[in-house]
Amino acid sequence: IGRYFLNSVLVVSLSTAGTMLFGSMAAYVLARYRFFGNRFIYYMFVS
């Protein structure tokens, strides 16, 4: 369980960091900028 625990810590730490980086950048652009396809991209994420 010790090895599995450390594996989970590694995977979850890196995946959460990547999720927050890419997710925050995508959310910021969709929320603050207006461009063609903005709503379509947003609804694709929401779907």
All heavy atoms as atom14 arrays in JSON, in Angstrom:
{
  "sequence": "IGRYFLNSVLVVSLSTAGTMLFGSMAAYVLARYRFFGNRFIYYMFVS",
  "atom14_mask": [
    [1, 1, 1, 1, 1, 1, 1, 1, 0, 0, 0, 0, 0, 0],
    [1, 1, 1, 1, 0, 0, 0, 0, 0, 0, 0, 0, 0, 0],
    [1, 1, 1, 1, 1, 1, 1, 1, 1, 1, 1, 0, 0, 0],
    [1, 1, 1, 1, 1, 1, 1, 1, 1, 1, 1, 1, 0, 0],
    [1, 1, 1, 1, 1, 1, 1, 1, 1, 1, 1, 0, 0, 0],
    [1, 1, 1, 1, 1, 1, 1, 1, 0, 0, 0, 0, 0, 0],
    [1, 1, 1, 1, 1, 1, 1, 1, 0, 0, 0, 0, 0, 0],
    [1, 1, 1, 1, 1, 1, 0, 0, 0, 0, 0, 0, 0, 0],
    [1, 1, 1, 1, 1, 1, 1, 0, 0, 0, 0, 0, 0, 0],
    [1, 1, 1, 1, 1, 1, 1, 1, 0, 0, 0, 0, 0, 0],
    [1, 1, 1, 1, 1, 1, 1, 0, 0, 0, 0, 0, 0, 0],
    [1, 1, 1, 1, 1, 1, 1, 0, 0, 0, 0, 0, 0, 0],
    [1, 1, 1, 1, 1, 1, 0, 0, 0, 0, 0, 0, 0, 0],
    [1, 1, 1, 1, 1, 1, 1, 1, 0, 0, 0, 0, 0, 0],
    [1, 1, 1, 1, 1, 1, 0, 0, 0, 0, 0, 0, 0, 0],
    [1, 1, 1, 1, 1, 1, 1, 0, 0, 0, 0, 0, 0, 0],
    [1, 1, 1, 1, 1, 0, 0, 0, 0, 0, 0, 0, 0, 0],
    [1, 1, 1, 1, 0, 0, 0, 0, 0, 0, 0, 0, 0, 0],
    [1, 1, 1, 1, 1, 1, 1, 0, 0, 0, 0, 0, 0, 0],
    [1, 1, 1, 1, 1, 1, 1, 1, 0, 0, 0, 0, 0, 0],
    [1, 1, 1, 1, 1, 1, 1, 1, 0, 0, 0, 0, 0, 0],
    [1, 1, 1, 1, 1, 1, 1, 1, 1, 1, 1, 0, 0, 0],
    [1, 1, 1, 1, 0, 0, 0, 0, 0, 0, 0, 0, 0, 0],
    [1, 1, 1, 1, 1, 1, 0, 0, 0, 0, 0, 0, 0, 0],
    [1, 1, 1, 1, 1, 1, 1, 1, 0, 0, 0, 0, 0, 0],
    [1, 1, 1, 1, 1, 0, 0, 0, 0, 0, 0, 0, 0, 0],
    [1, 1, 1, 1, 1, 0, 0, 0, 0, 0, 0, 0, 0, 0],
    [1, 1, 1, 1, 1, 1, 1, 1, 1, 1, 1, 1, 0, 0],
    [1, 1, 1, 1, 1, 1, 1, 0, 0, 0, 0, 0, 0, 0],
    [1, 1, 1, 1, 1, 1, 1, 1, 0, 0, 0, 0, 0, 0],
    [1, 1, 1, 1, 1, 0, 0, 0, 0, 0, 0, 0, 0, 0],
    [1, 1, 1, 1, 1, 1, 1, 1, 1, 1, 1, 0, 0, 0],
    [1, 1, 1, 1, 1, 1, 1, 1, 1, 1, 1, 1, 0, 0],
    [1, 1, 1, 1, 1, 1, 1, 1, 1, 1, 1, 0, 0, 0],
    [1, 1, 1, 1, 1, 1, 1, 1, 1, 1, 1, 0, 0, 0],
    [1, 1, 1, 1, 1, 1, 1, 1, 1, 1, 1, 0, 0, 0],
    [1, 1, 1, 1, 0, 0, 0, 0, 0, 0, 0, 0, 0, 0],
    [1, 1, 1, 1, 1, 1, 1, 1, 0, 0, 0, 0, 0, 0],
    [1, 1, 1, 1, 1, 1, 1, 1, 1, 1, 1, 0, 0, 0],
    [1, 1, 1, 1, 1, 1, 1, 1, 1, 1, 1, 0, 0, 0],
    [1, 1, 1, 1, 1, 1, 1, 1, 0, 0, 0, 0, 0, 0],
    [1, 1, 1, 1, 1, 1, 1, 1, 1, 1, 1, 1, 0, 0],
    [1, 1, 1, 1, 1, 1, 1, 1, 1, 1, 1, 1, 0, 0],
    [1, 1, 1, 1, 1, 1, 1, 1, 0, 0, 0, 0, 0, 0],
    [1, 1, 1, 1, 1, 1, 1, 1, 1, 1, 1, 0, 0, 0],
    [1, 1, 1, 1, 1, 1, 1, 0, 0, 0, 0, 0, 0, 0],
    [1, 1, 1, 1, 1, 1, 0, 0, 0, 0, 0, 0, 0, 0]
  ],
  "atom14_positions": [
    [[0.83, -1.2, 0.0], [0.0, 0.0, 0.0], [0.87, 1.25, 0.0], [0.48, 2.29, -0.57], [-0.96, -0.01, 1.22], [-2.01, -1.1, 1.04], [-1.64, 1.34, 1.4], [-2.89, -0.91, -0.17], [0.0, 0.0, 0.0], [0.0, 0.0, 0.0], [0.0, 0.0, 0.0], [0.0, 0.0, 0.0], [0.0, 0.0, 0.0], [0.0, 0.0, 0.0]],
    [[2.04, 1.18, 0.6], [2.95, 2.33, 0.61], [3.35, 2.74, -0.8], [3.34, 3.92, -1.15], [0.0, 0.0, 0.0], [0.0, 0.0, 0.0], [0.0, 0.0, 0.0], [0.0, 0.0, 0.0], [0.0, 0.0, 0.0], [0.0, 0.0, 0.0], [0.0, 0.0, 0.0], [0.0, 0.0, 0.0], [0.0, 0.0, 0.0], [0.0, 0.0, 0.0]],
    [[3.68, 1.75, -1.64], [4.06, 2.05, -3.02], [2.87, 2.58, -3.8], [2.98, 3.56, -4.57], [4.6, 0.79, -3.69], [5.03, 1.0, -5.15], [5.72, -0.24, -5.67], [4.84, -1.39, -5.64], [5.24, -2.65, -5.84], [6.52, -2.89, -6.07], [4.39, -3.66, -5.8], [0.0, 0.0, 0.0], [0.0, 0.0, 0.0], [0.0, 0.0, 0.0]],
    [[1.69, 1.98, -3.62], [0.5, 2.46, -4.31], [0.12, 3.87, -3.86], [-0.34, 4.68, -4.67], [-0.67, 1.51, -4.06], [-0.4, 0.08, -4.44], [-0.96, -0.99, -3.73], [0.42, -0.24, -5.53], [-0.72, -2.3, -4.09], [0.68, -1.54, -5.89], [0.1, -2.58, -5.16], [0.35, -3.88, -5.52], [0.0, 0.0, 0.0], [0.0, 0.0, 0.0]],
    [[0.33, 4.14, -2.58], [0.03, 5.47, -2.04], [0.92, 6.52, -2.71], [0.44, 7.58, -3.13], [0.26, 5.47, -0.53], [-0.14, 6.73, 0.16], [-1.42, 6.88, 0.68], [0.76, 7.78, 0.3], [-1.79, 8.06, 1.33], [0.4, 8.95, 0.94], [-0.88, 9.1, 1.46], [0.0, 0.0, 0.0], [0.0, 0.0, 0.0], [0.0, 0.0, 0.0]],
    [[2.2, 6.25, -2.82], [3.13, 7.2, -3.45], [2.82, 7.34, -4.94], [2.94, 8.45, -5.49], [4.57, 6.73, -3.24], [5.05, 6.69, -1.78], [6.48, 6.17, -1.71], [4.95, 8.07, -1.14], [0.0, 0.0, 0.0], [0.0, 0.0, 0.0], [0.0, 0.0, 0.0], [0.0, 0.0, 0.0], [0.0, 0.0, 0.0], [0.0, 0.0, 0.0]],
    [[2.42, 6.25, -5.59], [2.02, 6.35, -7.0], [0.83, 7.28, -7.17], [0.8, 8.11, -8.09], [1.68, 4.97, -7.55], [2.89, 4.05, -7.65], [4.03, 4.51, -7.6], [2.65, 2.77, -7.8], [0.0, 0.0, 0.0], [0.0, 0.0, 0.0], [0.0, 0.0, 0.0], [0.0, 0.0, 0.0], [0.0, 0.0, 0.0], [0.0, 0.0, 0.0]],
    [[-0.14, 7.17, -6.28], [-1.32, 8.03, -6.36], [-0.95, 9.48, -6.1], [-1.47, 10.38, -6.77], [-2.37, 7.57, -5.34], [-2.92, 6.33, -5.69], [0.0, 0.0, 0.0], [0.0, 0.0, 0.0], [0.0, 0.0, 0.0], [0.0, 0.0, 0.0], [0.0, 0.0, 0.0], [0.0, 0.0, 0.0], [0.0, 0.0, 0.0], [0.0, 0.0, 0.0]],
    [[-0.07, 9.72, -5.14], [0.36, 11.09, -4.85], [1.03, 11.7, -6.08], [0.76, 12.86, -6.45], [1.3, 11.12, -3.64], [1.94, 12.5, -3.48], [0.55, 10.76, -2.36], [0.0, 0.0, 0.0], [0.0, 0.0, 0.0], [0.0, 0.0, 0.0], [0.0, 0.0, 0.0], [0.0, 0.0, 0.0], [0.0, 0.0, 0.0], [0.0, 0.0, 0.0]],
    [[1.89, 10.94, -6.75], [2.58, 11.44, -7.94], [1.59, 11.76, -9.05], [1.62, 12.86, -9.63], [3.6, 10.4, -8.4], [4.3, 10.69, -9.74], [5.17, 11.94, -9.62], [5.13, 9.49, -10.19], [0.0, 0.0, 0.0], [0.0, 0.0, 0.0], [0.0, 0.0, 0.0], [0.0, 0.0, 0.0], [0.0, 0.0, 0.0], [0.0, 0.0, 0.0]],
    [[0.72, 10.81, -9.37], [-0.21, 10.99, -10.49], [-1.2, 12.11, -10.21], [-1.42, 13.0, -11.06], [-0.95, 9.67, -10.79], [-2.07, 9.89, -11.8], [0.03, 8.62, -11.3], [0.0, 0.0, 0.0], [0.0, 0.0, 0.0], [0.0, 0.0, 0.0], [0.0, 0.0, 0.0], [0.0, 0.0, 0.0], [0.0, 0.0, 0.0], [0.0, 0.0, 0.0]],
    [[-1.78, 12.13, -9.03], [-2.79, 13.14, -8.7], [-2.17, 14.53, -8.63], [-2.78, 15.52, -9.07], [-3.5, 12.78, -7.39], [-4.42, 13.91, -6.93], [-4.3, 11.49, -7.56], [0.0, 0.0, 0.0], [0.0, 0.0, 0.0], [0.0, 0.0, 0.0], [0.0, 0.0, 0.0], [0.0, 0.0, 0.0], [0.0, 0.0, 0.0], [0.0, 0.0, 0.0]],
    [[-0.95, 14.65, -8.11], [-0.29, 15.96, -8.03], [-0.06, 16.55, -9.42], [-0.4, 17.71, -9.68], [1.03, 15.83, -7.28], [0.83, 15.38, -5.96], [0.0, 0.0, 0.0], [0.0, 0.0, 0.0], [0.0, 0.0, 0.0], [0.0, 0.0, 0.0], [0.0, 0.0, 0.0], [0.0, 0.0, 0.0], [0.0, 0.0, 0.0], [0.0, 0.0, 0.0]],
    [[0.52, 15.74, -10.32], [0.81, 16.24, -11.66], [-0.45, 16.47, -12.48], [-0.56, 17.46, -13.2], [1.74, 15.26, -12.39], [3.14, 15.09, -11.78], [3.94, 14.05, -12.56], [3.88, 16.41, -11.73], [0.0, 0.0, 0.0], [0.0, 0.0, 0.0], [0.0, 0.0, 0.0], [0.0, 0.0, 0.0], [0.0, 0.0, 0.0], [0.0, 0.0, 0.0]],
    [[-1.41, 15.57, -12.36], [-2.65, 15.74, -13.13], [-3.46, 16.92, -12.64], [-4.06, 17.66, -13.45], [-3.48, 14.46, -13.07], [-3.84, 14.14, -11.74], [0.0, 0.0, 0.0], [0.0, 0.0, 0.0], [0.0, 0.0, 0.0], [0.0, 0.0, 0.0], [0.0, 0.0, 0.0], [0.0, 0.0, 0.0], [0.0, 0.0, 0.0], [0.0, 0.0, 0.0]],
    [[-3.49, 17.15, -11.34], [-4.22, 18.31, -10.81], [-3.54, 19.61, -11.24], [-4.22, 20.58, -11.62], [-4.3, 18.24, -9.28], [-4.95, 17.03, -8.88], [-5.07, 19.43, -8.72], [0.0, 0.0, 0.0], [0.0, 0.0, 0.0], [0.0, 0.0, 0.0], [0.0, 0.0, 0.0], [0.0, 0.0, 0.0], [0.0, 0.0, 0.0], [0.0, 0.0, 0.0]],
    [[-2.21, 19.63, -11.2], [-1.5, 20.83, -11.65], [-1.78, 21.1, -13.13], [-2.04, 22.25, -13.52], [0.0, 20.66, -11.41], [0.0, 0.0, 0.0], [0.0, 0.0, 0.0], [0.0, 0.0, 0.0], [0.0, 0.0, 0.0], [0.0, 0.0, 0.0], [0.0, 0.0, 0.0], [0.0, 0.0, 0.0], [0.0, 0.0, 0.0], [0.0, 0.0, 0.0]],
    [[-1.74, 20.07, -13.95], [-2.04, 20.26, -15.37], [-3.48, 20.68, -15.61], [-3.76, 21.54, -16.46], [0.0, 0.0, 0.0], [0.0, 0.0, 0.0], [0.0, 0.0, 0.0], [0.0, 0.0, 0.0], [0.0, 0.0, 0.0], [0.0, 0.0, 0.0], [0.0, 0.0, 0.0], [0.0, 0.0, 0.0], [0.0, 0.0, 0.0], [0.0, 0.0, 0.0]],
    [[-4.4, 20.09, -14.86], [-5.81, 20.45, -15.0], [-6.04, 21.92, -14.66], [-6.75, 22.64, -15.37], [-6.68, 19.57, -14.09], [-6.5, 18.2, -14.45], [-8.14, 19.94, -14.22], [0.0, 0.0, 0.0], [0.0, 0.0, 0.0], [0.0, 0.0, 0.0], [0.0, 0.0, 0.0], [0.0, 0.0, 0.0], [0.0, 0.0, 0.0], [0.0, 0.0, 0.0]],
    [[-5.44, 22.37, -13.57], [-5.65, 23.76, -13.14], [-4.99, 24.74, -14.11], [-5.52, 25.82, -14.37], [-5.11, 23.96, -11.73], [-5.83, 23.15, -10.67], [-7.62, 23.32, -10.73], [-7.8, 25.09, -10.49], [0.0, 0.0, 0.0], [0.0, 0.0, 0.0], [0.0, 0.0, 0.0], [0.0, 0.0, 0.0], [0.0, 0.0, 0.0], [0.0, 0.0, 0.0]],
    [[-3.83, 24.38, -14.66], [-3.16, 25.26, -15.6], [-3.98, 25.43, -16.89], [-4.33, 26.55, -17.28], [-1.77, 24.72, -15.92], [-0.97, 25.5, -16.97], [-0.7, 26.93, -16.51], [0.33, 24.78, -17.31], [0.0, 0.0, 0.0], [0.0, 0.0, 0.0], [0.0, 0.0, 0.0], [0.0, 0.0, 0.0], [0.0, 0.0, 0.0], [0.0, 0.0, 0.0]],
    [[-4.29, 24.31, -17.53], [-5.02, 24.37, -18.8], [-6.47, 24.81, -18.59], [-7.02, 25.56, -19.4], [-4.98, 23.01, -19.5], [-3.6, 22.56, -19.86], [-3.11, 21.33, -19.46], [-2.76, 23.39, -20.61], [-1.83, 20.92, -19.78], [-1.48, 22.98, -20.95], [-1.01, 21.75, -20.54], [0.0, 0.0, 0.0], [0.0, 0.0, 0.0], [0.0, 0.0, 0.0]],
    [[-7.08, 24.35, -17.52], [-8.47, 24.71, -17.26], [-8.65, 26.18, -16.96], [-9.59, 26.81, -17.44], [0.0, 0.0, 0.0], [0.0, 0.0, 0.0], [0.0, 0.0, 0.0], [0.0, 0.0, 0.0], [0.0, 0.0, 0.0], [0.0, 0.0, 0.0], [0.0, 0.0, 0.0], [0.0, 0.0, 0.0], [0.0, 0.0, 0.0], [0.0, 0.0, 0.0]],
    [[-7.74, 26.75, -16.17], [-7.85, 28.18, -15.84], [-7.6, 29.05, -17.06], [-8.29, 30.06, -17.27], [-6.87, 28.54, -14.72], [-5.53, 28.28, -15.12], [0.0, 0.0, 0.0], [0.0, 0.0, 0.0], [0.0, 0.0, 0.0], [0.0, 0.0, 0.0], [0.0, 0.0, 0.0], [0.0, 0.0, 0.0], [0.0, 0.0, 0.0], [0.0, 0.0, 0.0]],
    [[-6.64, 28.67, -17.91], [-6.39, 29.46, -19.12], [-7.57, 29.39, -20.08], [-8.0, 30.41, -20.64], [-5.11, 28.96, -19.81], [-3.83, 29.27, -19.05], [-2.3, 28.98, -20.0], [-2.41, 27.22, -20.25], [0.0, 0.0, 0.0], [0.0, 0.0, 0.0], [0.0, 0.0, 0.0], [0.0, 0.0, 0.0], [0.0, 0.0, 0.0], [0.0, 0.0, 0.0]],
    [[-8.14, 28.2, -20.27], [-9.3, 28.07, -21.16], [-10.5, 28.83, -20.6], [-11.22, 29.52, -21.34], [-9.65, 26.59, -21.35], [0.0, 0.0, 0.0], [0.0, 0.0, 0.0], [0.0, 0.0, 0.0], [0.0, 0.0, 0.0], [0.0, 0.0, 0.0], [0.0, 0.0, 0.0], [0.0, 0.0, 0.0], [0.0, 0.0, 0.0], [0.0, 0.0, 0.0]],
    [[-10.73, 28.72, -19.31], [-11.87, 29.4, -18.7], [-11.72, 30.91, -18.77], [-12.7, 31.63, -19.02], [-12.02, 28.95, -17.24], [0.0, 0.0, 0.0], [0.0, 0.0, 0.0], [0.0, 0.0, 0.0], [0.0, 0.0, 0.0], [0.0, 0.0, 0.0], [0.0, 0.0, 0.0], [0.0, 0.0, 0.0], [0.0, 0.0, 0.0], [0.0, 0.0, 0.0]],
    [[-10.51, 31.4, -18.59], [-10.28, 32.85, -18.64], [-10.57, 33.4, -20.04], [-11.23, 34.44, -20.19], [-8.84, 33.16, -18.23], [-8.49, 34.63, -18.31], [-8.94, 35.51, -17.35], [-7.71, 35.13, -19.35], [-8.61, 36.87, -17.41], [-7.38, 36.47, -19.43], [-7.84, 37.33, -18.45], [-7.53, 38.66, -18.52], [0.0, 0.0, 0.0], [0.0, 0.0, 0.0]],
    [[-10.1, 32.72, -21.06], [-10.33, 33.17, -22.44], [-11.83, 33.12, -22.77], [-12.38, 34.05, -23.36], [-9.52, 32.31, -23.43], [-9.92, 32.65, -24.87], [-8.03, 32.55, -23.23], [0.0, 0.0, 0.0], [0.0, 0.0, 0.0], [0.0, 0.0, 0.0], [0.0, 0.0, 0.0], [0.0, 0.0, 0.0], [0.0, 0.0, 0.0], [0.0, 0.0, 0.0]],
    [[-12.5, 32.05, -22.38], [-13.91, 31.93, -22.67], [-14.76, 32.94, -21.91], [-15.82, 33.37, -22.39], [-14.4, 30.51, -22.34], [-13.84, 29.38, -23.21], [-14.28, 28.03, -22.67], [-14.3, 29.54, -24.66], [0.0, 0.0, 0.0], [0.0, 0.0, 0.0], [0.0, 0.0, 0.0], [0.0, 0.0, 0.0], [0.0, 0.0, 0.0], [0.0, 0.0, 0.0]],
    [[-14.28, 33.35, -20.73], [-15.06, 34.28, -19.91], [-14.8, 35.74, -20.26], [-15.72, 36.57, -20.15], [-14.75, 34.04, -18.43], [0.0, 0.0, 0.0], [0.0, 0.0, 0.0], [0.0, 0.0, 0.0], [0.0, 0.0, 0.0], [0.0, 0.0, 0.0], [0.0, 0.0, 0.0], [0.0, 0.0, 0.0], [0.0, 0.0, 0.0], [0.0, 0.0, 0.0]],
    [[-13.58, 36.08, -20.71], [-13.21, 37.49, -20.84], [-13.07, 37.97, -22.28], [-13.0, 39.18, -22.51], [-11.87, 37.74, -20.11], [-11.77, 37.18, -18.72], [-12.67, 37.87, -17.75], [-12.28, 39.25, -17.51], [-12.69, 39.98, -16.48], [-13.53, 39.45, -15.61], [-12.29, 41.22, -16.32], [0.0, 0.0, 0.0], [0.0, 0.0, 0.0], [0.0, 0.0, 0.0]],
    [[-13.03, 37.05, -23.24], [-12.82, 37.46, -24.63], [-14.0, 37.0, -25.48], [-14.56, 35.91, -25.26], [-11.52, 36.86, -25.18], [-10.28, 37.37, -24.51], [-9.74, 36.71, -23.41], [-9.64, 38.52, -24.96], [-8.6, 37.18, -22.77], [-8.49, 39.01, -24.33], [-7.99, 38.33, -23.23], [-6.86, 38.81, -22.59], [0.0, 0.0, 0.0], [0.0, 0.0, 0.0]],
    [[-14.36, 37.82, -26.43], [-15.45, 37.5, -27.35], [-14.88, 37.23, -28.74], [-14.2, 38.08, -29.31], [-16.45, 38.66, -27.42], [-17.2, 38.88, -26.12], [-18.15, 37.71, -25.86], [-18.79, 37.81, -24.55], [-18.37, 37.2, -23.46], [-17.27, 36.44, -23.52], [-19.01, 37.33, -22.32], [0.0, 0.0, 0.0], [0.0, 0.0, 0.0], [0.0, 0.0, 0.0]],
    [[-15.14, 36.05, -29.29], [-14.65, 35.68, -30.61], [-15.61, 34.66, -31.2], [-16.45, 34.08, -30.5], [-13.23, 35.12, -30.53], [-13.08, 33.97, -29.58], [-13.27, 32.66, -30.01], [-12.74, 34.2, -28.25], [-13.13, 31.59, -29.13], [-12.61, 33.13, -27.37], [-12.8, 31.83, -27.81], [0.0, 0.0, 0.0], [0.0, 0.0, 0.0], [0.0, 0.0, 0.0]],
    [[-15.48, 34.44, -32.49], [-16.36, 33.51, -33.18], [-16.11, 32.08, -32.67], [-14.98, 31.6, -32.65], [-16.11, 33.56, -34.69], [-16.96, 32.6, -35.47], [-18.29, 32.87, -35.72], [-16.41, 31.41, -35.95], [-19.08, 31.98, -36.43], [-17.18, 30.51, -36.66], [-18.54, 30.8, -36.9], [0.0, 0.0, 0.0], [0.0, 0.0, 0.0], [0.0, 0.0, 0.0]],
    [[-17.17, 31.41, -32.25], [-17.06, 30.06, -31.73], [-16.87, 29.98, -30.24], [-16.68, 28.89, -29.7], [0.0, 0.0, 0.0], [0.0, 0.0, 0.0], [0.0, 0.0, 0.0], [0.0, 0.0, 0.0], [0.0, 0.0, 0.0], [0.0, 0.0, 0.0], [0.0, 0.0, 0.0], [0.0, 0.0, 0.0], [0.0, 0.0, 0.0], [0.0, 0.0, 0.0]],
    [[-16.93, 31.12, -29.55], [-16.73, 31.13, -28.1], [-17.75, 30.24, -27.41], [-17.39, 29.36, -26.61], [-16.82, 32.58, -27.59], [-16.63, 32.69, -26.08], [-17.43, 32.17, -25.31], [-15.57, 33.36, -25.68], [0.0, 0.0, 0.0], [0.0, 0.0, 0.0], [0.0, 0.0, 0.0], [0.0, 0.0, 0.0], [0.0, 0.0, 0.0], [0.0, 0.0, 0.0]],
    [[-19.02, 30.48, -27.69], [-20.07, 29.7, -27.04], [-20.03, 28.24, -27.44], [-20.32, 27.34, -26.62], [-21.44, 30.29, -27.39], [-21.76, 31.63, -26.79], [-21.9, 31.55, -25.27], [-20.6, 31.68, -24.58], [-20.45, 31.51, -23.27], [-21.47, 31.15, -22.52], [-19.27, 31.66, -22.72], [0.0, 0.0, 0.0], [0.0, 0.0, 0.0], [0.0, 0.0, 0.0]],
    [[-19.67, 27.95, -28.68], [-19.6, 26.56, -29.13], [-18.53, 25.8, -28.34], [-18.77, 24.68, -27.89], [-19.3, 26.51, -30.62], [-19.08, 25.13, -31.15], [-20.16, 24.28, -31.37], [-17.8, 24.67, -31.41], [-19.97, 23.0, -31.85], [-17.6, 23.37, -31.89], [-18.69, 22.53, -32.1], [0.0, 0.0, 0.0], [0.0, 0.0, 0.0], [0.0, 0.0, 0.0]],
    [[-17.37, 26.41, -28.18], [-16.29, 25.76, -27.43], [-16.71, 25.56, -25.97], [-16.46, 24.51, -25.37], [-15.0, 26.59, -27.52], [-14.51, 26.66, -28.97], [-13.91, 26.01, -26.62], [-13.32, 27.57, -29.17], [0.0, 0.0, 0.0], [0.0, 0.0, 0.0], [0.0, 0.0, 0.0], [0.0, 0.0, 0.0], [0.0, 0.0, 0.0], [0.0, 0.0, 0.0]],
    [[-17.35, 26.58, -25.41], [-17.79, 26.48, -24.01], [-18.78, 25.33, -23.83], [-18.67, 24.53, -22.89], [-18.41, 27.8, -23.58], [-19.04, 27.76, -22.21], [-18.26, 27.76, -21.06], [-20.42, 27.71, -22.06], [-18.84, 27.7, -19.81], [-21.01, 27.67, -20.82], [-20.21, 27.67, -19.69], [-20.79, 27.62, -18.44], [0.0, 0.0, 0.0], [0.0, 0.0, 0.0]],
    [[-19.75, 25.24, -24.74], [-20.75, 24.18, -24.63], [-20.15, 22.8, -24.91], [-20.65, 21.79, -24.39], [-21.92, 24.45, -25.58], [-22.78, 25.61, -25.14], [-23.12, 26.63, -26.02], [-23.25, 25.7, -23.83], [-23.9, 27.7, -25.62], [-24.03, 26.76, -23.42], [-24.35, 27.76, -24.31], [-25.12, 28.82, -23.9], [0.0, 0.0, 0.0], [0.0, 0.0, 0.0]],
    [[-19.11, 22.74, -25.69], [-18.42, 21.47, -25.88], [-17.77, 21.0, -24.58], [-17.8, 19.81, -24.25], [-17.37, 21.61, -26.98], [-17.95, 21.7, -28.39], [-18.83, 20.2, -28.88], [-17.47, 19.04, -28.98], [0.0, 0.0, 0.0], [0.0, 0.0, 0.0], [0.0, 0.0, 0.0], [0.0, 0.0, 0.0], [0.0, 0.0, 0.0], [0.0, 0.0, 0.0]],
    [[-17.18, 21.95, -23.85], [-16.63, 21.6, -22.53], [-17.74, 21.16, -21.58], [-17.62, 20.14, -20.88], [-15.89, 22.79, -21.93], [-14.46, 22.91, -22.37], [-14.05, 23.96, -23.18], [-13.5, 21.99, -21.98], [-12.73, 24.08, -23.59], [-12.18, 22.1, -22.37], [-11.79, 23.14, -23.19], [0.0, 0.0, 0.0], [0.0, 0.0, 0.0], [0.0, 0.0, 0.0]],
    [[-18.81, 21.92, -21.55], [-19.9, 21.61, -20.62], [-20.54, 20.27, -20.95], [-20.97, 19.52, -20.06], [-20.95, 22.74, -20.64], [-22.17, 22.38, -19.81], [-20.35, 24.04, -20.14], [0.0, 0.0, 0.0], [0.0, 0.0, 0.0], [0.0, 0.0, 0.0], [0.0, 0.0, 0.0], [0.0, 0.0, 0.0], [0.0, 0.0, 0.0], [0.0, 0.0, 0.0]],
    [[-20.63, 19.93, -22.24], [-21.23, 18.65, -22.61], [-20.45, 17.47, -22.05], [-21.01, 16.37, -21.88], [-21.32, 18.54, -24.14], [-20.02, 18.53, -24.72], [0.0, 0.0, 0.0], [0.0, 0.0, 0.0], [0.0, 0.0, 0.0], [0.0, 0.0, 0.0], [0.0, 0.0, 0.0], [0.0, 0.0, 0.0], [0.0, 0.0, 0.0], [0.0, 0.0, 0.0]]
  ]
}
